[in-house]
Structure formats: C-alpha cells, structure tokens
Protein backbone atom coordinates (compact mmCIF):
# COMPACT_ATOMS: atom_id res chain seq x y z
CA UNK A 1 5.50 -33.30 -32.86
CA UNK A 2 3.19 -29.71 -33.25
CA UNK A 3 3.26 -28.35 -29.81
CA UNK A 4 1.68 -24.94 -28.81
CA UNK A 5 3.20 -23.81 -25.22
CA UNK A 6 0.46 -22.00 -22.66
CA UNK A 7 1.44 -21.16 -19.21
CA UNK A 8 -1.45 -18.28 -17.38
CA UNK A 9 -4.96 -19.34 -19.53
CA UNK A 10 -6.08 -21.63 -21.30
CA UNK A 11 -8.18 -22.16 -24.75
CA UNK A 12 -10.82 -23.34 -25.78
CA UNK A 13 -10.38 -25.24 -29.17
CA UNK A 14 -12.56 -27.73 -30.57
CA UNK A 15 -9.79 -29.62 -32.94
CA UNK A 16 -7.61 -29.94 -30.44
CA UNK A 17 -6.90 -31.64 -26.47
CA UNK A 18 -5.73 -30.36 -23.47
CA UNK A 19 -4.18 -32.40 -20.89
CA UNK A 20 -3.23 -32.30 -17.26
CA UNK A 21 1.15 -31.93 -17.74
CA UNK A 22 2.21 -32.90 -14.50
CA UNK A 23 2.96 -35.30 -11.82
CA UNK A 24 2.12 -35.60 -8.07
CA UNK A 25 5.82 -34.64 -6.16
CA UNK A 26 5.22 -33.96 -3.00
CA UNK A 27 8.00 -32.42 -0.75
CA UNK A 28 8.89 -34.02 2.41
CA UNK A 29 9.62 -32.00 6.05
CA UNK A 30 9.88 -28.02 6.43
CA UNK A 31 10.45 -25.52 3.93
CA UNK A 32 13.36 -23.99 5.87
CA UNK A 33 16.52 -25.59 6.89
CA UNK A 34 18.56 -23.33 8.65
CA UNK A 35 22.21 -24.19 10.62
CA UNK A 36 24.53 -22.27 13.22
CA UNK A 37 28.38 -22.67 11.21
CA UNK A 38 31.69 -21.69 11.75
CA UNK A 39 33.49 -19.75 9.92
CA UNK A 40 34.94 -22.32 7.43
CA UNK A 41 32.67 -24.92 8.40
CA UNK A 42 31.43 -27.37 6.57
CA UNK A 43 27.32 -28.92 6.60
CA UNK A 44 25.34 -32.13 5.05
CA UNK A 45 21.02 -31.37 4.25
CA UNK A 46 18.88 -33.93 2.11
CA UNK A 47 15.67 -32.66 0.03
CA UNK A 48 13.27 -35.53 0.61
CA UNK A 49 10.91 -36.21 -2.17
CA UNK A 50 7.91 -38.19 -3.17
CA UNK A 51 5.59 -38.78 -6.74
CA UNK A 52 1.94 -39.61 -4.97
CA UNK A 53 1.13 -40.15 -8.80
CA UNK A 54 0.54 -43.13 -9.98
CA UNK A 55 3.32 -42.58 -13.57
CA UNK A 56 6.29 -41.68 -13.76
CA UNK A 57 7.70 -38.17 -12.73
CA UNK A 58 10.65 -35.68 -13.44
CA UNK A 59 11.98 -32.75 -11.05
CA UNK A 60 14.70 -29.93 -11.99
CA UNK A 61 16.25 -28.82 -8.54
CA UNK A 62 18.36 -25.28 -9.05
CA UNK A 63 19.50 -22.50 -6.82
CA UNK A 64 17.45 -18.70 -6.66
CA UNK A 65 18.79 -15.93 -4.58
CA UNK A 66 16.29 -13.82 -2.11
CA UNK A 67 16.97 -10.52 -2.36
CA UNK A 68 15.95 -7.20 0.29
CA UNK A 69 15.05 -4.84 -2.38
CA UNK A 70 15.38 -0.61 -0.95
CA UNK A 71 11.52 -0.46 0.04
CA UNK A 72 12.25 -3.62 2.59
CA UNK A 73 10.02 -5.95 -0.06
CA UNK A 74 12.33 -9.20 -1.53
CA UNK A 75 12.35 -10.85 -4.57
CA UNK A 76 13.36 -13.70 -6.53
CA UNK A 77 16.76 -13.90 -8.49
CA UNK A 78 17.77 -16.17 -11.29
CA UNK A 79 21.67 -17.18 -10.19
CA UNK A 80 23.30 -17.07 -7.53
CA UNK A 81 25.75 -14.84 -5.42
CA UNK A 82 23.81 -11.65 -6.66
CA UNK A 83 24.23 -10.41 -3.32
CA UNK A 84 26.23 -10.62 -0.21
CA UNK A 85 24.25 -12.44 2.12
CA UNK A 86 23.52 -14.69 -0.62
CA UNK A 87 25.68 -18.92 0.87
CA UNK A 88 23.58 -19.67 -3.07
CA UNK A 89 28.31 -20.42 -3.84
CA UNK A 90 28.62 -22.12 -1.05
CA UNK A 91 26.19 -24.78 -1.43
CA UNK A 92 27.03 -27.87 -3.71
CA UNK A 93 23.79 -29.84 -4.89
CA UNK A 94 24.34 -33.67 -5.02
CA UNK A 95 21.92 -33.28 -8.69
CA UNK A 96 19.90 -31.11 -10.25
CA UNK A 97 17.57 -33.08 -11.81
CA UNK A 98 15.15 -35.93 -9.91
CA UNK A 99 13.54 -39.24 -12.17
CA UNK A 100 10.80 -40.71 -9.54
CA UNK A 101 8.49 -43.81 -10.66
CA UNK A 102 5.04 -44.08 -8.95
CA UNK A 103 5.13 -43.63 -5.63
CA UNK A 104 9.17 -43.64 -4.98
CA UNK A 105 10.73 -40.99 -3.12
CA UNK A 106 14.33 -39.88 -3.53
CA UNK A 107 16.66 -37.55 -1.59
CA UNK A 108 18.76 -35.57 -2.37
CA UNK A 109 21.47 -34.38 -1.11
CA UNK A 110 23.52 -31.06 -0.50
CA UNK A 111 26.72 -29.91 0.85
CA UNK A 112 26.79 -25.81 2.37
CA UNK A 113 31.15 -25.46 2.78
CA UNK A 114 31.00 -22.14 4.64
CA UNK A 115 34.50 -20.52 3.34
CA UNK A 116 36.95 -19.45 6.27
CA UNK A 117 38.59 -15.64 7.84
CA UNK A 118 36.31 -12.99 8.22
CA UNK A 119 32.27 -13.72 7.70
CA UNK A 120 29.30 -13.24 10.54
CA UNK A 121 26.16 -13.25 10.32
CA UNK A 122 23.27 -14.73 8.33
CA UNK A 123 23.39 -15.80 4.81
CA UNK A 124 20.87 -17.07 2.74
CA UNK A 125 19.02 -18.04 -0.30
CA UNK A 126 17.00 -20.96 -1.55
CA UNK A 127 16.80 -24.60 -3.69
CA UNK A 128 13.49 -24.82 -6.11
CA UNK A 129 12.68 -27.43 -6.55
CA UNK A 130 10.33 -27.75 -10.08
CA UNK A 131 8.70 -30.77 -11.29
CA UNK A 132 8.84 -30.45 -15.39
CA UNK A 133 6.35 -31.59 -17.28
CA UNK A 134 5.92 -34.95 -19.57
CA UNK A 135 4.98 -32.81 -21.95
CA UNK A 136 7.76 -30.48 -22.06
CA UNK A 137 10.77 -30.41 -24.84
CA UNK A 138 13.07 -30.56 -21.05
CA UNK A 139 11.56 -33.79 -19.96
CA UNK A 140 12.99 -36.82 -20.68
CA UNK A 141 9.59 -38.38 -20.14
CA UNK A 142 8.36 -36.97 -23.44
CA UNK A 143 6.20 -38.97 -25.70
CA UNK A 144 8.26 -39.49 -29.39
CA UNK A 145 7.57 -36.98 -31.23
CA UNK A 146 4.05 -36.44 -33.78
CA UNK A 147 2.69 -34.76 -36.42
CA UNK A 148 -0.84 -34.45 -35.47
CA UNK A 149 -0.73 -30.66 -33.56
CA UNK A 150 -1.32 -30.51 -29.87
CA UNK A 151 -2.09 -27.50 -26.89
CA UNK A 152 -0.28 -28.01 -24.12
CA UNK A 153 -1.48 -26.23 -20.84
CA UNK A 154 1.76 -26.13 -18.03
CA UNK A 155 0.71 -25.65 -14.99
CA UNK A 156 4.26 -25.47 -12.70
CA UNK A 157 4.38 -26.02 -9.29
CA UNK A 158 7.73 -25.48 -7.45
CA UNK A 159 8.76 -25.73 -3.94
CA UNK A 160 11.14 -23.22 -2.84
CA UNK A 161 13.13 -24.10 0.63
CA UNK A 162 14.81 -21.00 2.74
CA UNK A 163 18.72 -22.60 3.25
CA UNK A 164 19.32 -19.81 5.92
CA UNK A 165 23.10 -20.07 7.27
CA UNK A 166 23.94 -18.52 11.11
CA UNK A 167 27.45 -18.00 11.18
CA UNK A 168 29.59 -17.61 14.60
CA UNK A 169 28.31 -16.34 17.43
CA UNK A 170 28.99 -12.64 17.32
CA UNK A 171 26.65 -11.16 15.32
CA UNK A 172 23.31 -10.16 16.27
CA UNK A 173 20.00 -8.61 14.31
CA UNK A 174 19.27 -4.76 15.68
CA UNK A 175 14.97 -4.13 15.24
CA UNK A 176 14.11 -0.87 14.92
CA UNK A 177 10.40 0.45 14.70
CA UNK A 178 8.79 2.73 11.22
CA UNK A 179 4.97 4.47 10.29
CA UNK A 180 2.94 3.22 13.86
CA UNK A 181 -0.88 4.21 13.16
CA UNK A 182 -4.20 2.42 14.37
CA UNK A 183 -6.40 1.82 10.94
CA UNK A 184 -8.62 -0.81 9.62
CA UNK A 185 -7.23 -4.55 8.76
CA UNK A 186 -8.62 -5.98 5.52
CA UNK A 187 -11.69 -6.91 7.33
CA UNK A 188 -12.94 -4.00 8.40
CA UNK A 189 -11.56 -4.32 11.88
CA UNK A 190 -9.20 -2.14 14.26
CA UNK A 191 -5.31 -2.94 13.91
CA UNK A 192 -1.66 -1.49 14.64
CA UNK A 193 0.18 -1.72 12.37
CA UNK A 194 4.24 -0.56 11.98
CA UNK A 195 7.21 -1.14 9.39
CA UNK A 196 9.96 -3.69 11.88
CA UNK A 197 13.67 -3.13 10.53
CA UNK A 198 16.11 -6.15 11.12
CA UNK A 199 19.36 -3.58 10.84
CA UNK A 200 21.33 -5.86 11.92
CA UNK A 201 23.53 -8.37 10.00
CA UNK A 202 22.30 -11.30 11.45
CA UNK A 203 19.01 -13.25 10.97
CA UNK A 204 15.91 -12.77 13.45
CA UNK A 205 12.33 -14.44 13.78
CA UNK A 206 10.87 -11.47 16.55
CA UNK A 207 8.19 -12.12 18.49
CA UNK A 208 5.56 -8.46 18.28
CA UNK A 209 3.89 -7.30 20.79
CA UNK A 210 1.81 -4.25 22.57
CA UNK A 211 0.98 -3.96 26.22
CA UNK A 212 -1.67 -1.51 26.29
CA UNK A 213 -2.64 1.05 29.85
CA UNK A 214 -5.52 3.43 30.03
CA UNK A 215 -4.70 6.91 30.70
CA UNK A 216 -4.63 5.84 34.59
CA UNK A 217 -1.71 3.67 33.84
CA UNK A 218 -3.68 0.76 34.59
CA UNK A 219 -2.96 -2.49 32.31
CA UNK A 220 -5.19 -3.05 29.74
CA UNK A 221 -4.32 -5.57 27.96
CA UNK A 222 -1.60 -7.65 25.67
CA UNK A 223 -1.93 -8.33 22.24
CA UNK A 224 0.68 -10.14 20.24
CA UNK A 225 1.14 -10.51 16.04
CA UNK A 226 2.04 -13.28 13.60
CA UNK A 227 5.91 -14.05 13.74
CA UNK A 228 7.13 -12.95 10.00
CA UNK A 229 10.88 -13.94 9.33
CA UNK A 230 13.32 -10.64 8.96
CA UNK A 231 16.47 -11.18 7.21
CA UNK A 232 19.46 -8.55 7.48
CA UNK A 233 18.02 -5.63 6.28
CA UNK A 234 14.84 -6.01 5.40
CA UNK A 235 11.55 -4.11 6.77
CA UNK A 236 8.23 -5.53 7.64
CA UNK A 237 5.30 -4.77 8.76
CA UNK A 238 3.20 -6.55 10.82
CA UNK A 239 -0.74 -6.10 12.04
CA UNK A 240 -1.72 -7.09 15.82
CA UNK A 241 -5.72 -6.81 15.97
CA UNK A 242 -7.54 -4.03 18.52
CA UNK A 243 -11.09 -5.44 18.21
CA UNK A 244 -11.45 -5.99 22.24
CA UNK A 245 -10.61 -2.16 22.63
CA UNK A 246 -13.00 -0.02 23.83
CA UNK A 247 -13.38 3.90 21.55
CA UNK A 248 -10.21 5.96 23.60
CA UNK A 249 -7.05 6.56 24.48
CA UNK A 250 -4.12 5.06 25.70
CA UNK A 251 -0.81 4.72 26.26
CA UNK A 252 1.54 1.35 25.38
CA UNK A 253 4.67 -0.29 24.86
CA UNK A 254 5.47 -1.69 21.28
CA UNK A 255 7.81 -4.46 21.93
CA UNK A 256 9.79 -6.81 20.20
CA UNK A 257 11.82 -9.27 21.19
CA UNK A 258 14.76 -10.76 19.19
CA UNK A 259 13.96 -15.01 18.90
CA UNK A 260 18.23 -15.52 19.05
CA UNK A 261 19.39 -13.75 21.94
CA UNK A 262 16.30 -13.00 24.18
CA UNK A 263 16.77 -9.23 23.24
CA UNK A 264 13.68 -7.23 23.96
CA UNK A 265 13.77 -3.42 21.67
CA UNK A 266 10.86 -1.22 22.97
CA UNK A 267 8.87 1.89 22.46
CA UNK A 268 6.58 3.46 23.82
CA UNK A 269 3.35 4.42 21.44
CA UNK A 270 -0.18 6.25 22.29
CA UNK A 271 -3.23 4.46 20.42
CA UNK A 272 -6.34 6.61 19.91
CA UNK A 273 -9.54 4.33 18.99
CA UNK A 274 -12.34 5.36 17.25
C-alpha cells in the first residue's frame, strides 16, 4: 500500500480520500497519581482505559520525564531518568500496548519500587497513553496492503498521567516570591502577578493570596490566585485579579500556604491601582 502521512495539516487532493484514523479511547480517573512512600517501599497503581467507539482500538503506553528548565518552565523529555528527580526508572508497566474491542474496558497495572538508602523528597515522571491509528504502520490492526494510493491524516491525542512520589516525611517545600507587579491581565482587567519558586525538595500545591489594607490600616479584602502545582526547583507565575479595588495606594500581605505541612510564607508589598 502506498501511504502519505500528514501530522499537522490537511491537503485536499481530488483523487485521494481523507479518512479519520483514530478510535475514541477514554482514560477514567485522575491525571495525577500521588503516593507517599518510605525508602525501599513499593506501591501499585492502575490505569483504566475504555473504548467508547464501535471500532477496535489500540493504545500504546510509554514513559516520559518532565524536566524543569532554568527559566522555570517545564518540558516533556523522551526516555527515562533524565534528571535527578525522575522516578521513571522506579516504575514497571504491566504492558506497553493494549487492544480494546468496541465498548470494552481494561485496566493496566504498574508497580513503583522506591530504592532504599538516602532518598528523600518528591520524584516524578509521566505515563503517556497514546491511541494508535489503525492506518499507522505500527498498528497491529492495520488492514491488508493495497496498491491503491491513499492519503491518511493522523490526529494524535494522548493522555499524560503524572506519577508523583513523595519519599519519607522529612523533606519540605520552600516558597520564594519574585517579580511582583500590578498589570493588566489578558482580558484588560487589573491583576497582581508574582512568580513563586519552590526551592525545597518536596512538591507543593500552594494556596496564594493577598490580604489588602488601606493606607490607614483598614482591611479591604482577601484576593486569591488559582492553585498550581510546583515541582522542586520549579517556578510558576500566579495571577490575582484586583478588579474590585478602587484606584489608589494600598498595603498588602502576599502569602503562600504549602498544602503539605501548612507552613505559610509571606511578604509585605505596596500596591498602586491606577
């Protein structure tokens, strides 16, 4: 069979047929699996897959690392064990490929074995679940070869399941504020922006807010940001909407509460709303 594969655009040709090439596979459950384990301990987890289409489906499962770059952003990295906080090499998958009949469900088990010794803090990686097109050469469901030319468009949809391991109870997050400023948000409203960096060794999902006071000390209100997870050594931008504040000068306490031990980190800031 002669194939032309496209991954990012569609081309209309009068003598070729465009065909959808993926089945509807759903992942049940959350996209984050978090465990607290002692050094040398073992935990097990499952991935629950369901084929919601009336066609057979094929799914491949593989691992990737999530690397925290120097600017605080994250990127997926092929392979495993590419950074010091990766737990990818601790994980054993029950299988790397699943075949699902129409309407069928299946669970895929995995085991995570934490090494013994001096291991502490948070470690993480991703389990990637990617449906395989039945027109792809790598598919076990590919039809028999034909001499008729075809144009196949592959639309890749994959799930990324975070596997986060917190080892022991001694490690802690440490939250540091950087570059606070008042600016317009994406909708033209006023917002307080601040970078929060986790310089500790444990993952955190901090609650970040501003307690705002007038210059004469009266409490004006509490304004909260959306919550983001912070890996160790990661920096994320948090935004707090301030549209309810009248123009003027204010004093505020910027605070972030670590979700693990409840420790609160704070800093005094001055706000000017124009």
